[in-house]
Amino acid sequence: MNYDMLKKLFPNLIKEIEENKCLTVRISSIRSDLKYAEKKPSNYYEPDVIDFLRRCKDEKEGLEVIQYLENKGEISKEYAERLRKQLKEKGVRSFGERKTWGYYYKYFEKRD
């Protein structure tokens, strides 16, 4: 498919590309287990362990979250160990910026 055909079929997409509006992707967290990340993406309706860790204010809270989810069977022992290692080595913010009260309201307000 050539450029002229793309421009005819997708004029708004071409405009965004030309204005450099869609060439960057913001990464706000690290998923250390690719299989887990692909299986259960983070979203508003089904929070995962990373979402819960992003609500923690410090390492102590992060460890409590990991322990709770491991005990409950939500995450495997191996994944819990990898999360603990990441938490200890890189800190709680390595999972992404902190999600505070009203996070989703602010996040989606910015996108509109």
Protein backbone atom coordinates (compact mmCIF):
# COMPACT_ATOMS: atom_id res chain seq x y z
CA MET A 1 0.00 0.00 0.00
CA ASN A 2 1.42 3.38 -0.90
CA TYR A 3 1.30 6.65 1.04
CA ASP A 4 -1.47 8.22 -1.07
CA MET A 5 -3.73 5.22 -0.49
CA LEU A 6 -3.07 5.34 3.27
CA LYS A 7 -3.81 9.06 3.31
CA LYS A 8 -7.09 8.46 1.52
CA LEU A 9 -8.13 5.56 3.77
CA PHE A 10 -6.87 6.97 7.08
CA PRO A 11 -6.68 10.77 6.85
CA ASN A 12 -6.81 11.41 10.60
CA LEU A 13 -4.13 8.84 11.36
CA ILE A 14 -1.83 10.32 8.73
CA LYS A 15 -2.48 13.81 10.14
CA GLU A 16 -1.54 12.63 13.67
CA ILE A 17 1.61 10.97 12.37
CA GLU A 18 2.61 14.04 10.43
CA GLU A 19 1.99 16.27 13.48
CA ASN A 20 4.06 13.86 15.59
CA LYS A 21 1.20 13.31 18.08
CA CYS A 22 1.25 9.54 18.27
CA LEU A 23 4.91 8.57 18.05
CA THR A 24 5.55 8.14 21.78
CA VAL A 25 4.23 5.72 24.35
CA ARG A 26 4.44 6.47 28.06
CA ILE A 27 5.61 3.52 30.16
CA SER A 28 4.49 3.89 33.74
CA SER A 29 5.38 0.53 35.25
CA ILE A 30 7.56 -2.53 34.89
CA ARG A 31 6.15 -6.03 34.57
CA SER A 32 8.97 -8.43 35.43
CA ASP A 33 7.06 -11.53 34.30
CA LEU A 34 6.22 -11.26 30.60
CA LYS A 35 3.88 -14.27 30.65
CA TYR A 36 1.89 -12.76 33.54
CA ALA A 37 1.85 -9.30 31.95
CA GLU A 38 0.53 -10.66 28.65
CA LYS A 39 -2.06 -12.84 30.37
CA LYS A 40 -3.56 -10.16 32.58
CA PRO A 41 -2.98 -6.57 31.46
CA SER A 42 -3.43 -3.76 33.95
CA ASN A 43 -6.70 -1.89 33.58
CA TYR A 44 -9.26 -0.01 35.63
CA TYR A 45 -11.73 -2.85 36.08
CA GLU A 46 -9.40 -5.72 36.93
CA PRO A 47 -6.46 -4.46 39.00
CA ASP A 48 -3.48 -6.78 39.22
CA VAL A 49 -0.59 -7.00 41.67
CA ILE A 50 1.24 -4.14 39.93
CA ASP A 51 -1.80 -1.88 40.30
CA PHE A 52 -1.92 -2.66 44.01
CA LEU A 53 1.83 -2.07 44.38
CA ARG A 54 1.44 1.31 42.68
CA ARG A 55 -0.91 2.35 45.50
CA CYS A 56 1.76 1.64 48.14
CA LYS A 57 3.61 4.53 49.72
CA ASP A 58 6.69 2.55 50.76
CA GLU A 59 8.49 -0.80 50.60
CA LYS A 60 6.81 -2.07 53.77
CA GLU A 61 3.34 -1.71 52.26
CA GLY A 62 4.59 -3.31 49.04
CA LEU A 63 5.83 -6.36 50.92
CA GLU A 64 2.48 -6.67 52.69
CA VAL A 65 0.62 -6.56 49.36
CA ILE A 66 2.87 -9.21 47.82
CA GLN A 67 2.55 -11.46 50.88
CA TYR A 68 -1.24 -11.09 50.96
CA LEU A 69 -1.68 -11.89 47.26
CA GLU A 70 0.73 -14.82 47.50
CA ASN A 71 -1.11 -16.26 50.53
CA LYS A 72 -4.43 -15.80 48.77
CA GLY A 73 -3.13 -17.66 45.71
CA GLU A 74 -3.49 -14.67 43.38
CA ILE A 75 0.21 -14.84 42.44
CA SER A 76 2.68 -17.73 42.42
CA LYS A 77 5.53 -18.10 44.92
CA GLU A 78 8.04 -17.61 42.10
CA TYR A 79 6.39 -14.41 40.87
CA ALA A 80 6.13 -13.13 44.44
CA GLU A 81 9.89 -13.68 44.88
CA ARG A 82 10.65 -11.76 41.67
CA LEU A 83 8.42 -8.90 42.83
CA ARG A 84 10.14 -8.82 46.24
CA LYS A 85 13.54 -8.73 44.53
CA GLN A 86 12.47 -5.87 42.25
CA LEU A 87 10.97 -4.03 45.23
CA LYS A 88 14.16 -4.38 47.25
CA GLU A 89 16.57 -3.54 44.40
CA LYS A 90 14.63 -0.83 42.54
CA GLY A 91 12.05 0.42 45.02
CA VAL A 92 8.29 0.64 45.01
CA ARG A 93 8.23 3.32 42.29
CA SER A 94 9.84 0.87 39.83
CA PHE A 95 6.31 -0.49 39.39
CA GLY A 96 5.10 2.92 38.21
CA GLU A 97 4.05 6.28 39.61
CA ARG A 98 1.92 6.17 42.73
CA LYS A 99 -1.81 5.79 42.20
CA THR A 100 -3.54 8.00 44.73
CA TRP A 101 -7.22 8.61 45.39
CA GLY A 102 -8.82 9.90 42.19
CA TYR A 103 -6.00 8.54 39.98
CA TYR A 104 -8.30 7.25 37.24
CA TYR A 105 -10.40 10.39 37.20
CA LYS A 106 -7.28 12.52 36.73
CA TYR A 107 -5.74 10.07 34.25
CA PHE A 108 -8.75 9.95 31.96
CA GLU A 109 -9.38 13.67 32.33
CA LYS A 110 -5.86 14.32 30.94
CA ARG A 111 -6.48 12.07 27.94
CA ASP A 112 -9.63 13.92 26.77
